[in-house]
Each structure stands twice: as C-alpha cells, then as structure tokens.
C-alpha cells in the first residue's frame, strides 16, 4: 500500500471461515486491517446453546490462528477482553482507534440482521461499505430470483423445492446423464423413508467426534464463564472446528454411514442421537466445507459402488436442493420473516422446550438430545418438535428463536425458512404446499418412543390420549376453511368427515383441555 492510500477494514464474520483462498481476504493488501470479534449479542439475541457459542468461538479462533500462521495479521477481539456488545460497536471502537480507515469490506452476510447493522454502522461512520458475493453457494441470489420469477407463471408467488432441485441438477449436471437423471427418476423417496420396525436399527457405526484441543477448551471455558445461564451442555462437545477436521468428518460419513443413510434417514430410535446422518451441516454453515467438494465425494462413492444411488441422491438433494433453496427463499422474503404467522398462532412456547421435562417420550428424547449435543436430525426437528408446535398453535416467532438458539448448525438463512416456512407453515403455501402435520401414528411408525410413553398414539381423548393425535384432528377442524380445498389434504379431511359428531366434539373438548395445560404435558 502506497503512502497516499488509506487502509481499509476487512471484517470476517463467524460463519465465514472459508479455507484458503478466502474470498474476502484475497482482496486485502499490506496495510489493510482484518478484524474478527466475539461479541455477546451474537449469543444473546436468542438464548444460545452453550455448544453453539463454543463452536463459533473455537472455529473462529482456529481460523484466526491459521491466518496468522501464514503471515496475515488478524486483529482478534476475544470475548471478555473488550466491552463491545455487538459487531457494530466493535467496528465503531476499531475505527475510533484507526481514524484513517477509508472503507469497510464485508463478505455477503447470511443474516439480514447483521447486514442491516453493518449498513447502518458504515453509514454512521461515513465509510463506504463494499460487499463481496459469497462464492460458497452453488446458486447465486440473482440466479435464484431468476428461477423463482420463471417458476411462478401462475402468479401465485409459490415456490417448490422439488422443481428448484431438478433445475439445479440440469444446470450443474450433477447426477445427470445425457440430459436425464441417473436412474431414470429425480428422487428415491420411496426407498428412503423406512422405519426400523420392532427389531430396531442394525448396528449403528459410531460417528467420528473430535476431542477438544487447547483452543477449543479455552473457548468452552469462556462460554461457561460469560454465558453460565445459557441452555445446554458442553460435556459432549466434539464438533469439527477446522477445515481438516470437517474433511475427516465428511470422509467418516461417506465411508461409514452414507451407504445406509438413505434407507434410514427419516427413522428415529431412543438413545441413538446420530444414527446414519452426516453431522456436517455445522461445518458447511460455518464454511469449513465447500458444498461442491461434499457433493463430489458422494458422487465418487456412487461411481465406485461404495454407496447406492438412492442414498447418494437423498444426500445430494439435501445439499444441492434443500440447502440452496432455503437460502434463496430466506432472502426473497427477507423483510417478512420477523412477523410471519399465516395461521395466526399465538400460544407461548412451553417452558419444557428449554428443559426436556415432559412426559411425552418423543419430545423428551428430541429435546434432551438437543440440550446434550446441540443436535437433532431433520425428522426430529420437523415431525417431533416442529409438528407439535404447529399443532398446538405456538407463536412462530418464539419457536423460530428456539430453533436458532439450540442447534449448533443454526444460522439465520437456514433456520428461518426451515422453521417458519416448512415446520410451522407460517409462510403459508408460498414455500410448501401443505402443513407438515401428523398424528401419533407417524411417530409410532418411525420410532420406538410410543412404547415408553404414558400417552397412546391410537387414543384420541382422555388423559392417555397422545397429544399429537388429539391435536392433529383438532388442527384439521380449526383450519378447515384454509386447508380443506388443498388436494394434498383431501384424504385427511375424508377421514375427519367419517367421524361421528359426538367424537369430533369430544376431540375438540379434550384438545382445549390439553392446550390450556401445555406446561403439564
């Protein structure tokens, strides 16, 4: 940097830990500043799980240590060493210390709250804000919006992941051959929705975990010191915190669990937190892994006959399809997420979502596992905790904040669409064609939780009635005006219509009793 040029400030966010070459830092020149900061607001704007905060802190510290090892100077502000409560406050303090800074540089954030804060911060400081698009994703926001505009030919403003996924397959050539999907079909859901049955799962390969090194131990100690009352435990912390560990976790999944992943991806079993799932979503969302490399590893397993097509396609659909889709949906409806509530649900989130202290076995398992590991797989999130909140009419904002708080892989662009758009139907039919609701029969089919539960999935009323079963039928009654004409709800309403009036009345009465006493569930 020449004498007449003023330094610029490059701010690296906690979920922008790309391996070299880093897409933001490649623009920095000698004399520029690179700033990273741990601030309370990122753990307190929702009441974050200790493991979530520890993962961010540890991964950030490892990233900074690596950058410094290759000669890049990082101004790293650790929690407890400064009094900046937010990222904006830290930037203000840093610029006050270095008043010759000429511009603020930022990689495209994944959180509209952070983006707005940085825009306001730059404006207040009178600095230009330069935002670099994040090349981590396979579909740019411009491309997504182009697809969305073309897909909405009927003017309904409705988006469907399945059509986006097919479009992504066609434009990337992934799992395609001569312009057609490999295997002659786009997805293999029919082969990928098995329950374990009464015999339970076959032997589950133990997922690779990573013993905390000195930096991670320090991060955990700081979380315990500065966030002592936050939910969750650090006792079982074993998440990858570096790109190398993330690659080891990916390799472990590809070789040990991918072959059976598809078959069992929707199944649940008490005491088995991880089953055949990949456990790489946190590493992907922190950008420790590149999705292209993840997909390539799965494709290689298919090509070498190490994993069947159904499993590989189901896994790739989560990366190439759903992950890219929810990011596009998040930014398309960015201004709406804070207040979305299509079904006007207003009940408060039950306190046992933070403790797991409920008699409902499936909920107790999913929540207790979440508090222990900061993890639950997609069916536990969608069809256990999410399904219950939807059926019970819990306020979507409170539920979304809970999801953002308790999972180590939770970042805003992922969690808002998944929770509000999919699990809670708060976006209405703009993202999913129907609410994801199910009675206790679904949980009985997909898990062994019902055998250990005081509630019975085939009972609709009375103290032993499964809350899911009671509330499922009540939900259909309550929202009939909105949902009855939906073709995908036709069978449910046919079954409801077969019920005698006296039974529907009894369900309604018992549902109201249950809803008025959710804390005692």
Protein backbone atom coordinates (compact mmCIF):
# COMPACT_ATOMS: atom_id res chain seq x y z
CA UNK A 1 0.00 0.00 0.00
CA UNK A 2 1.49 3.34 -1.02
CA UNK A 3 1.81 6.27 1.33
CA UNK A 4 -1.16 8.16 -0.10
CA UNK A 5 -3.53 5.19 0.17
CA UNK A 6 -5.54 4.81 3.34
CA UNK A 7 -6.07 1.41 4.98
CA UNK A 8 -9.33 -0.47 4.61
CA UNK A 9 -11.07 -2.59 7.23
CA UNK A 10 -12.00 -6.19 6.34
CA UNK A 11 -14.49 -7.74 8.78
CA UNK A 12 -14.68 -11.56 8.86
CA UNK A 13 -17.88 -12.91 10.40
CA UNK A 14 -18.09 -16.07 12.49
CA UNK A 15 -19.80 -18.12 9.78
CA UNK A 16 -17.37 -17.07 7.04
CA UNK A 17 -14.43 -19.35 7.84
CA UNK A 18 -13.68 -20.45 4.28
CA UNK A 19 -10.46 -22.39 3.68
CA UNK A 20 -7.79 -20.61 1.68
CA UNK A 21 -8.03 -18.74 -0.58
CA UNK A 22 -10.56 -16.81 1.48
CA UNK A 23 -12.87 -14.89 -0.91
CA UNK A 24 -12.75 -11.70 1.15
CA UNK A 25 -9.18 -11.72 2.40
CA UNK A 26 -7.69 -12.22 -1.06
CA UNK A 27 -8.65 -8.58 -1.62
CA UNK A 28 -6.71 -7.30 1.39
CA UNK A 29 -3.33 -5.65 0.83
CA UNK A 30 -0.46 -4.96 3.23
CA UNK A 31 -1.53 -2.12 5.48
CA UNK A 32 -5.21 -3.07 5.49
CA UNK A 33 -6.81 -4.27 8.72
CA UNK A 34 -8.56 -7.61 9.22
CA UNK A 35 -10.91 -7.72 12.19
CA UNK A 36 -12.70 -10.60 13.90
CA UNK A 37 -14.67 -10.28 17.10
CA UNK A 38 -16.55 -12.39 19.62
CA UNK A 39 -19.44 -10.31 20.93
CA UNK A 40 -22.23 -11.07 23.43
CA UNK A 41 -25.04 -10.01 21.10
CA UNK A 42 -24.45 -12.97 18.77
CA UNK A 43 -25.21 -15.32 21.66
CA UNK A 44 -27.91 -13.30 23.39
CA UNK A 45 -30.22 -12.01 20.64
CA UNK A 46 -31.51 -15.57 21.03
CA UNK A 47 -30.66 -17.52 24.19
CA UNK A 48 -27.98 -19.61 22.51
CA UNK A 49 -26.99 -23.14 23.46
CA UNK A 50 -23.56 -23.24 25.08
CA UNK A 51 -22.32 -25.66 22.41
CA UNK A 52 -23.45 -23.36 19.60
CA UNK A 53 -21.49 -20.44 21.00
CA UNK A 54 -18.48 -22.62 21.79
CA UNK A 55 -18.45 -23.96 18.23
CA UNK A 56 -18.42 -20.46 16.77
CA UNK A 57 -15.71 -19.24 19.17
CA UNK A 58 -13.49 -22.28 18.66
CA UNK A 59 -13.81 -22.32 14.87
CA UNK A 60 -13.15 -18.57 14.70
CA UNK A 61 -10.06 -18.86 16.91
CA UNK A 62 -8.69 -21.72 14.83
CA UNK A 63 -9.32 -19.73 11.66
CA UNK A 64 -7.50 -16.68 13.05
CA UNK A 65 -4.60 -18.84 14.26
CA UNK A 66 -4.24 -20.36 10.80
CA UNK A 67 -4.34 -16.97 9.09
CA UNK A 68 -1.68 -15.66 11.42
CA UNK A 69 0.44 -18.78 10.79
CA UNK A 70 0.58 -17.91 7.09
CA UNK A 71 1.61 -14.32 7.80
CA UNK A 72 -1.73 -12.46 7.80
CA UNK A 73 -2.24 -10.09 10.71
CA UNK A 74 -5.64 -10.52 12.37
CA UNK A 75 -6.99 -8.10 14.95
CA UNK A 76 -8.93 -10.64 17.01
CA UNK A 77 -11.13 -9.41 19.86
CA UNK A 78 -11.90 -12.26 22.25
CA UNK A 79 -14.96 -12.27 24.48
CA UNK A 80 -14.14 -10.68 27.83
CA UNK A 81 -11.18 -8.66 26.52
CA UNK A 82 -13.28 -5.72 25.31
CA UNK A 83 -16.59 -4.05 26.14
CA UNK A 84 -18.13 -4.07 22.66
CA UNK A 85 -21.50 -5.75 22.98
CA UNK A 86 -22.22 -6.03 19.25
CA UNK A 87 -20.32 -6.28 15.97
CA UNK A 88 -21.31 -2.71 15.15
CA UNK A 89 -20.00 -1.49 18.49
CA UNK A 90 -16.67 -3.22 17.90
CA UNK A 91 -16.34 -1.71 14.43
CA UNK A 92 -17.06 1.74 15.85
CA UNK A 93 -14.37 1.27 18.51
CA UNK A 94 -11.87 -0.06 15.99
CA UNK A 95 -12.41 2.85 13.60
CA UNK A 96 -12.05 5.27 16.51
CA UNK A 97 -8.64 3.71 17.19
CA UNK A 98 -7.71 3.88 13.47
CA UNK A 99 -9.40 7.04 12.13
CA UNK A 100 -7.62 6.84 8.78
CA UNK A 101 -9.63 3.78 7.71
CA UNK A 102 -11.18 4.56 4.33
CA UNK A 103 -13.74 1.77 3.75
CA UNK A 104 -15.40 -1.27 5.29
CA UNK A 105 -15.22 -4.57 3.40
CA UNK A 106 -17.55 -7.46 4.13
CA UNK A 107 -18.36 -10.84 2.65
CA UNK A 108 -22.09 -11.15 1.97
CA UNK A 109 -23.67 -11.98 5.37
CA UNK A 110 -26.15 -14.80 5.79
CA UNK A 111 -28.20 -12.87 8.33
CA UNK A 112 -30.31 -9.85 7.42
CA UNK A 113 -29.96 -8.55 11.00
CA UNK A 114 -26.18 -8.46 10.65
CA UNK A 115 -26.34 -6.97 7.17
CA UNK A 116 -28.64 -4.17 8.35
CA UNK A 117 -26.41 -3.49 11.35
CA UNK A 118 -23.30 -3.23 9.16
CA UNK A 119 -25.07 -0.97 6.67
CA UNK A 120 -26.13 1.34 9.49
CA UNK A 121 -22.68 1.18 11.03
CA UNK A 122 -20.92 2.14 7.79
CA UNK A 123 -23.40 4.95 7.17
CA UNK A 124 -22.93 6.33 10.69
CA UNK A 125 -19.16 6.22 10.32
CA UNK A 126 -19.34 7.80 6.88
CA UNK A 127 -17.50 4.87 5.32
CA UNK A 128 -18.32 3.16 2.03
CA UNK A 129 -19.41 -0.47 2.51
CA UNK A 130 -18.11 -2.93 -0.06
CA UNK A 131 -19.94 -6.29 -0.02
CA UNK A 132 -18.42 -9.27 -1.86
CA UNK A 133 -20.80 -12.05 -3.02
CA UNK A 134 -20.21 -15.32 -1.19
CA UNK A 135 -18.97 -17.94 -3.70
CA UNK A 136 -19.69 -20.74 -1.23
CA UNK A 137 -23.13 -21.32 -2.73
CA UNK A 138 -23.90 -23.11 -5.98
CA UNK A 139 -26.78 -20.77 -6.84
CA UNK A 140 -26.38 -17.00 -6.63
CA UNK A 141 -29.25 -14.96 -5.29
CA UNK A 142 -29.70 -13.38 -8.73
CA UNK A 143 -29.97 -16.82 -10.31
CA UNK A 144 -32.41 -17.98 -7.65
CA UNK A 145 -34.64 -14.97 -8.18
CA UNK A 146 -34.50 -15.53 -11.93
CA UNK A 147 -35.64 -19.13 -11.39
CA UNK A 148 -38.31 -18.04 -8.93
CA UNK A 149 -39.70 -15.47 -11.36
CA UNK A 150 -39.86 -18.03 -14.17
CA UNK A 151 -41.36 -20.74 -11.95
CA UNK A 152 -44.19 -18.51 -10.79
CA UNK A 153 -46.01 -18.44 -14.10
CA UNK A 154 -49.42 -18.66 -12.46
CA UNK A 155 -48.78 -15.58 -10.33
CA UNK A 156 -49.31 -17.46 -7.04
CA UNK A 157 -45.93 -16.48 -5.59
CA UNK A 158 -45.36 -20.13 -4.63
CA UNK A 159 -42.00 -21.88 -4.70
CA UNK A 160 -41.34 -25.61 -4.55
CA UNK A 161 -38.02 -27.19 -3.72
CA UNK A 162 -38.55 -30.21 -5.97
CA UNK A 163 -38.68 -28.07 -9.12
CA UNK A 164 -35.72 -25.99 -7.98
CA UNK A 165 -33.75 -29.16 -7.29
CA UNK A 166 -34.42 -30.51 -10.78
CA UNK A 167 -33.37 -27.18 -12.26
CA UNK A 168 -30.15 -27.28 -10.25
CA UNK A 169 -29.44 -30.83 -11.39
CA UNK A 170 -29.91 -29.78 -15.01
CA UNK A 171 -27.76 -26.65 -14.79
CA UNK A 172 -24.90 -28.36 -12.90
CA UNK A 173 -25.04 -31.83 -14.49
CA UNK A 174 -24.92 -33.42 -11.04
CA UNK A 175 -26.42 -36.94 -11.08
CA UNK A 176 -27.34 -36.43 -14.73
CA UNK A 177 -26.52 -38.47 -17.83
CA UNK A 178 -27.35 -37.40 -21.39
CA UNK A 179 -29.72 -34.77 -20.03
CA UNK A 180 -31.67 -37.25 -17.89
CA UNK A 181 -31.47 -38.05 -14.17
CA UNK A 182 -29.30 -41.05 -13.40
CA UNK A 183 -31.51 -44.00 -12.59
CA UNK A 184 -34.41 -42.60 -14.58
CA UNK A 185 -36.05 -40.63 -11.75
CA UNK A 186 -35.40 -37.42 -9.88
CA UNK A 187 -35.67 -38.75 -6.35
CA UNK A 188 -35.90 -42.02 -4.48
CA UNK A 189 -38.12 -41.04 -1.56
CA UNK A 190 -39.98 -44.34 -1.76
CA UNK A 191 -36.75 -46.12 -0.81
CA UNK A 192 -35.64 -43.54 1.75
CA UNK A 193 -38.46 -43.42 4.29
CA UNK A 194 -38.14 -46.66 6.20
CA UNK A 195 -38.72 -47.12 9.91
CA UNK A 196 -36.68 -49.63 11.90
CA UNK A 197 -39.59 -51.82 12.92
CA UNK A 198 -39.89 -53.62 16.22
CA UNK A 199 -36.39 -55.07 15.97
CA UNK A 200 -34.75 -51.65 15.99
CA UNK A 201 -31.83 -50.44 13.93
CA UNK A 202 -28.96 -52.64 12.80
CA UNK A 203 -25.59 -51.86 14.41
CA UNK A 204 -25.00 -48.12 14.00
CA UNK A 205 -21.47 -47.04 13.00
CA UNK A 206 -20.09 -44.72 15.64
CA UNK A 207 -19.76 -41.21 14.26
CA UNK A 208 -16.34 -39.58 14.43
CA UNK A 209 -16.06 -36.98 17.17
CA UNK A 210 -13.19 -34.60 17.85
CA UNK A 211 -11.61 -34.26 21.27
CA UNK A 212 -11.36 -30.56 22.18
CA UNK A 213 -7.82 -29.23 21.76
CA UNK A 214 -6.39 -26.34 23.79
CA UNK A 215 -8.13 -23.62 21.74
CA UNK A 216 -11.47 -25.40 21.96
CA UNK A 217 -11.05 -25.96 25.69
CA UNK A 218 -10.39 -22.26 26.12
CA UNK A 219 -13.48 -21.43 24.06
CA UNK A 220 -15.62 -23.76 26.17
CA UNK A 221 -14.22 -22.25 29.36
CA UNK A 222 -15.07 -18.75 28.12
CA UNK A 223 -18.61 -19.81 27.25
CA UNK A 224 -19.06 -21.28 30.73
CA UNK A 225 -17.70 -18.08 32.26
CA UNK A 226 -19.57 -15.48 30.22
CA UNK A 227 -22.80 -17.37 29.45
CA UNK A 228 -23.29 -19.55 32.55
CA UNK A 229 -27.09 -19.47 32.48
CA UNK A 230 -27.49 -20.37 28.82
CA UNK A 231 -29.10 -23.70 27.93
CA UNK A 232 -27.35 -26.90 27.00
CA UNK A 233 -24.20 -28.72 27.95
CA UNK A 234 -20.57 -28.68 26.79
CA UNK A 235 -19.73 -32.10 28.26
CA UNK A 236 -20.08 -33.96 24.95
CA UNK A 237 -18.65 -31.28 22.65
CA UNK A 238 -16.96 -32.99 19.72
CA UNK A 239 -17.76 -30.98 16.59
CA UNK A 240 -15.18 -30.28 13.87
CA UNK A 241 -13.73 -26.80 14.23
CA UNK A 242 -11.20 -26.68 11.37
CA UNK A 243 -11.39 -27.46 7.65
CA UNK A 244 -9.20 -30.52 8.20
CA UNK A 245 -11.48 -31.90 10.90
CA UNK A 246 -14.50 -31.14 8.74
CA UNK A 247 -12.98 -33.15 5.89
CA UNK A 248 -12.33 -36.02 8.30
CA UNK A 249 -15.97 -35.88 9.42
CA UNK A 250 -17.10 -35.91 5.79
CA UNK A 251 -14.87 -38.88 4.98
CA UNK A 252 -16.19 -40.74 8.02
CA UNK A 253 -19.75 -40.22 6.84
CA UNK A 254 -19.08 -41.16 3.22
CA UNK A 255 -17.29 -44.39 4.12
CA UNK A 256 -19.20 -45.49 7.21
CA UNK A 257 -22.77 -44.21 7.00
CA UNK A 258 -23.69 -42.96 3.52
CA UNK A 259 -24.42 -46.47 2.17
CA UNK A 260 -27.29 -46.86 4.67
CA UNK A 261 -28.15 -43.17 5.04
CA UNK A 262 -30.98 -43.10 2.53
CA UNK A 263 -32.82 -46.10 3.91
CA UNK A 264 -32.88 -44.80 7.47
CA UNK A 265 -32.75 -41.00 7.07
CA UNK A 266 -36.28 -40.47 8.44
CA UNK A 267 -36.15 -43.06 11.23
CA UNK A 268 -35.78 -42.32 14.95
CA UNK A 269 -34.73 -44.50 17.87
CA UNK A 270 -34.47 -43.72 21.56
CA UNK A 271 -30.87 -43.38 22.72
CA UNK A 272 -29.46 -43.06 19.18
CA UNK A 273 -28.76 -39.39 18.59
CA UNK A 274 -26.81 -39.58 15.33
CA UNK A 275 -27.78 -42.82 13.53
CA UNK A 276 -26.60 -42.64 9.87
CA UNK A 277 -26.69 -38.85 9.50
CA UNK A 278 -23.75 -36.88 8.14
CA UNK A 279 -23.23 -34.43 11.04
CA UNK A 280 -21.56 -31.95 8.67
CA UNK A 281 -24.24 -29.26 8.49
CA UNK A 282 -22.50 -27.09 11.09
CA UNK A 283 -19.20 -27.35 9.21
CA UNK A 284 -20.95 -26.44 5.97
CA UNK A 285 -22.74 -23.47 7.53
CA UNK A 286 -19.50 -22.13 9.04
CA UNK A 287 -17.97 -22.59 5.54
CA UNK A 288 -15.34 -25.04 6.79
CA UNK A 289 -16.52 -27.31 3.96
CA UNK A 290 -17.35 -26.41 0.38
CA UNK A 291 -20.61 -27.97 -0.86
CA UNK A 292 -19.03 -28.78 -4.23
CA UNK A 293 -16.46 -30.99 -2.55
CA UNK A 294 -19.12 -32.64 -0.42
CA UNK A 295 -21.22 -33.48 -3.47
CA UNK A 296 -18.17 -34.71 -5.38
CA UNK A 297 -17.30 -37.12 -2.56
CA UNK A 298 -20.81 -38.57 -2.66
CA UNK A 299 -20.70 -38.88 -6.44
CA UNK A 300 -17.38 -40.70 -6.18
CA UNK A 301 -18.90 -43.16 -3.70
CA UNK A 302 -21.68 -43.84 -6.21
CA UNK A 303 -19.32 -44.25 -9.15
CA UNK A 304 -17.14 -46.70 -7.22
CA UNK A 305 -20.15 -48.74 -5.99
CA UNK A 306 -19.47 -47.78 -2.38
CA UNK A 307 -22.98 -46.37 -1.90
CA UNK A 308 -26.31 -46.98 -3.68
CA UNK A 309 -27.98 -44.35 -5.86
CA UNK A 310 -30.95 -43.91 -3.51
CA UNK A 311 -28.66 -42.97 -0.62
CA UNK A 312 -26.42 -40.71 -2.69
CA UNK A 313 -29.35 -38.93 -4.34
CA UNK A 314 -31.08 -38.40 -0.98
CA UNK A 315 -27.93 -36.89 0.49
CA UNK A 316 -27.11 -34.71 -2.51
CA UNK A 317 -30.70 -33.43 -2.55
CA UNK A 318 -30.14 -32.00 0.93
CA UNK A 319 -27.03 -30.10 -0.26
CA UNK A 320 -27.80 -29.17 -3.87
CA UNK A 321 -31.56 -28.89 -3.43
CA UNK A 322 -32.83 -28.01 0.01
CA UNK A 323 -29.84 -26.03 1.33
CA UNK A 324 -29.61 -23.81 -1.74
CA UNK A 325 -33.40 -23.49 -1.89
CA UNK A 326 -33.85 -22.26 1.68
CA UNK A 327 -31.12 -19.69 1.22
CA UNK A 328 -32.90 -18.28 -1.82
CA UNK A 329 -36.25 -18.31 -0.04
CA UNK A 330 -34.72 -16.59 3.00
CA UNK A 331 -33.52 -13.58 1.03
CA UNK A 332 -36.60 -13.48 -1.21
CA UNK A 333 -38.80 -12.94 1.85
CA UNK A 334 -36.14 -11.26 3.99
CA UNK A 335 -38.28 -8.44 5.34
CA UNK A 336 -41.19 -10.73 6.22
CA UNK A 337 -39.63 -13.38 8.47
CA UNK A 338 -39.87 -11.44 11.76
CA UNK A 339 -43.67 -11.20 11.64
CA UNK A 340 -44.83 -14.20 9.58
CA UNK A 341 -47.81 -16.03 11.08
CA UNK A 342 -50.08 -17.43 8.36
CA UNK A 343 -52.21 -19.43 10.83
CA UNK A 344 -52.34 -16.66 13.49
CA UNK A 345 -50.83 -18.93 16.16
CA UNK A 346 -50.34 -17.13 19.47
CA UNK A 347 -49.71 -19.62 22.31
CA UNK A 348 -46.42 -19.19 24.18
CA UNK A 349 -43.66 -21.75 23.76
CA UNK A 350 -43.92 -24.27 26.62
CA UNK A 351 -41.10 -24.00 29.12
CA UNK A 352 -40.16 -27.65 28.72
CA UNK A 353 -38.77 -26.88 25.26
CA UNK A 354 -35.81 -25.50 27.24
CA UNK A 355 -35.56 -28.38 29.73
CA UNK A 356 -36.93 -31.55 28.10
CA UNK A 357 -39.04 -32.14 31.20
CA UNK A 358 -42.18 -33.52 29.59
CA UNK A 359 -43.90 -36.90 29.81
CA UNK A 360 -44.21 -37.17 26.02
CA UNK A 361 -41.40 -39.62 25.24
CA UNK A 362 -40.64 -38.44 21.71
CA UNK A 363 -40.46 -34.80 22.76
CA UNK A 364 -38.41 -35.61 25.84
CA UNK A 365 -35.91 -37.57 23.72
CA UNK A 366 -35.58 -34.97 20.97
CA UNK A 367 -35.23 -32.03 23.35
CA UNK A 368 -32.92 -33.79 25.83
CA UNK A 369 -30.69 -34.88 22.95
CA UNK A 370 -30.69 -31.30 21.67
CA UNK A 371 -29.66 -29.93 25.05
CA UNK A 372 -26.87 -32.51 25.31
CA UNK A 373 -25.40 -32.22 21.80
CA UNK A 374 -26.93 -29.13 20.19
CA UNK A 375 -28.19 -31.54 17.55
CA UNK A 376 -31.29 -33.36 16.37
CA UNK A 377 -31.83 -34.74 12.90
CA UNK A 378 -34.31 -33.30 10.41
CA UNK A 379 -37.27 -35.55 11.27
CA UNK A 380 -36.90 -34.88 14.98
CA UNK A 381 -36.94 -31.17 14.19
CA UNK A 382 -39.74 -31.27 11.61
CA UNK A 383 -42.06 -34.03 12.83
CA UNK A 384 -41.48 -34.02 16.61
CA UNK A 385 -40.68 -30.55 17.97
CA UNK A 386 -41.92 -28.66 14.90
CA UNK A 387 -45.05 -30.76 14.36
CA UNK A 388 -46.06 -30.34 17.99
CA UNK A 389 -45.57 -26.56 17.93
CA UNK A 390 -47.63 -26.32 14.74
CA UNK A 391 -50.47 -28.48 16.05
CA UNK A 392 -50.50 -26.64 19.38
CA UNK A 393 -50.64 -23.21 17.73
CA UNK A 394 -47.42 -21.93 19.32
CA UNK A 395 -46.32 -18.46 18.25
CA UNK A 396 -43.99 -18.97 15.24
CA UNK A 397 -41.54 -16.27 16.30
CA UNK A 398 -40.94 -17.93 19.66
CA UNK A 399 -40.45 -21.32 18.00
CA UNK A 400 -38.07 -19.94 15.37
CA UNK A 401 -35.99 -18.22 18.04
CA UNK A 402 -35.80 -21.52 19.94
CA UNK A 403 -34.54 -23.38 16.86
CA UNK A 404 -31.97 -20.67 16.17
CA UNK A 405 -30.81 -20.85 19.78
CA UNK A 406 -30.43 -24.56 20.42
CA UNK A 407 -28.75 -26.10 17.36
CA UNK A 408 -25.03 -25.86 16.63
CA UNK A 409 -25.72 -25.65 12.88
CA UNK A 410 -28.26 -22.84 13.23
CA UNK A 411 -27.64 -19.69 11.22
CA UNK A 412 -30.36 -17.28 10.23
CA UNK A 413 -30.62 -18.02 6.50
CA UNK A 414 -31.07 -21.72 7.23
CA UNK A 415 -33.25 -21.63 10.31
CA UNK A 416 -35.88 -19.04 9.38
CA UNK A 417 -37.14 -20.78 6.21
CA UNK A 418 -36.83 -24.26 7.72
CA UNK A 419 -38.73 -23.31 10.85
CA UNK A 420 -41.19 -20.66 9.72
CA UNK A 421 -41.62 -21.73 6.12
CA UNK A 422 -41.58 -25.51 6.45
CA UNK A 423 -42.15 -26.69 10.02
CA UNK A 424 -44.71 -24.06 11.07
CA UNK A 425 -46.39 -23.16 7.75
CA UNK A 426 -46.04 -19.52 8.81
CA UNK A 427 -45.31 -18.53 5.20
CA UNK A 428 -48.43 -20.32 4.05
CA UNK A 429 -48.35 -22.11 0.69
CA UNK A 430 -45.58 -19.93 -0.73
CA UNK A 431 -42.90 -22.47 0.25
CA UNK A 432 -44.67 -25.75 0.98
CA UNK A 433 -47.93 -26.96 -0.49
CA UNK A 434 -49.39 -28.06 2.84
CA UNK A 435 -48.62 -28.03 6.57
CA UNK A 436 -46.29 -30.80 7.74
CA UNK A 437 -48.64 -32.28 10.34
CA UNK A 438 -49.04 -35.83 11.58
CA UNK A 439 -50.72 -37.68 14.40
CA UNK A 440 -49.08 -40.01 16.89
CA UNK A 441 -49.38 -42.82 14.33
CA UNK A 442 -46.50 -41.34 12.34
CA UNK A 443 -44.20 -41.18 15.36
CA UNK A 444 -45.15 -44.75 16.29
CA UNK A 445 -44.25 -45.90 12.77
CA UNK A 446 -40.92 -44.07 12.65
CA UNK A 447 -39.64 -44.64 16.19
CA UNK A 448 -39.94 -46.71 19.36
CA UNK A 449 -40.85 -43.72 21.51
CA UNK A 450 -44.50 -44.67 21.90
CA UNK A 451 -43.65 -47.94 23.66
CA UNK A 452 -42.11 -45.97 26.51
CA UNK A 453 -44.70 -43.20 26.66
CA UNK A 454 -47.59 -42.57 29.03
CA UNK A 455 -49.59 -41.35 26.03
CA UNK A 456 -51.02 -43.76 23.45
CA UNK A 457 -50.99 -42.82 19.75
CA UNK A 458 -54.27 -44.64 18.98
CA UNK A 459 -56.24 -42.85 21.72
CA UNK A 460 -57.79 -39.51 20.79
CA UNK A 461 -59.35 -38.27 24.02
CA UNK A 462 -58.74 -38.57 27.74
CA UNK A 463 -55.61 -38.48 29.92
CA UNK A 464 -53.86 -41.26 27.94
CA UNK A 465 -54.55 -39.71 24.55
CA UNK A 466 -51.45 -38.90 22.54
CA UNK A 467 -51.24 -35.10 22.30
CA UNK A 468 -50.23 -35.38 18.65
CA UNK A 469 -53.30 -37.46 17.84
CA UNK A 470 -55.75 -35.21 19.67
CA UNK A 471 -54.27 -32.00 18.32
CA UNK A 472 -53.93 -33.35 14.78
CA UNK A 473 -57.67 -33.82 14.42
CA UNK A 474 -58.40 -30.57 16.22
CA UNK A 475 -55.98 -28.72 13.91
CA UNK A 476 -57.88 -30.04 10.87
CA UNK A 477 -61.15 -28.83 12.36
CA UNK A 478 -59.80 -25.42 13.31
CA UNK A 479 -58.25 -24.71 9.91
CA UNK A 480 -60.77 -26.39 7.63
CA UNK A 481 -61.61 -23.15 5.83
CA UNK A 482 -57.97 -22.73 4.79
CA UNK A 483 -57.00 -26.34 4.15
CA UNK A 484 -59.99 -28.40 3.08
CA UNK A 485 -59.67 -27.48 -0.61
CA UNK A 486 -55.98 -28.41 -0.70
CA UNK A 487 -55.71 -31.59 -2.81
CA UNK A 488 -52.91 -32.92 -0.61
CA UNK A 489 -55.20 -32.66 2.44
CA UNK A 490 -58.13 -34.46 0.84
CA UNK A 491 -57.55 -37.84 2.48
CA UNK A 492 -57.17 -36.30 5.93
CA UNK A 493 -60.47 -34.47 5.58
CA UNK A 494 -62.21 -37.58 4.26
CA UNK A 495 -61.14 -39.38 7.41
CA UNK A 496 -62.27 -36.46 9.56
CA UNK A 497 -65.65 -36.43 7.82
CA UNK A 498 -66.17 -40.11 8.65
CA UNK A 499 -66.12 -39.32 12.36
CA UNK A 500 -69.36 -39.06 14.24
CA UNK A 501 -70.30 -35.62 15.51
CA UNK A 502 -70.05 -36.82 19.09
CA UNK A 503 -66.43 -37.92 18.52
CA UNK A 504 -65.44 -34.65 16.91
CA UNK A 505 -66.98 -32.79 19.82
CA UNK A 506 -65.10 -34.94 22.31
CA UNK A 507 -61.81 -34.33 20.48
CA UNK A 508 -62.40 -30.59 20.45
CA UNK A 509 -63.20 -30.51 24.16
CA UNK A 510 -60.18 -32.59 25.11
CA UNK A 511 -57.90 -30.62 22.80
CA UNK A 512 -58.88 -27.41 24.58
CA UNK A 513 -58.11 -29.03 27.93
CA UNK A 514 -54.72 -30.10 26.64
CA UNK A 515 -53.94 -26.70 25.12
CA UNK A 516 -54.81 -24.90 28.33
CA UNK A 517 -52.37 -27.11 30.21
CA UNK A 518 -49.43 -27.42 27.84
CA UNK A 519 -46.89 -26.85 30.60
CA UNK A 520 -48.12 -30.03 32.32
CA UNK A 521 -47.72 -32.23 29.24
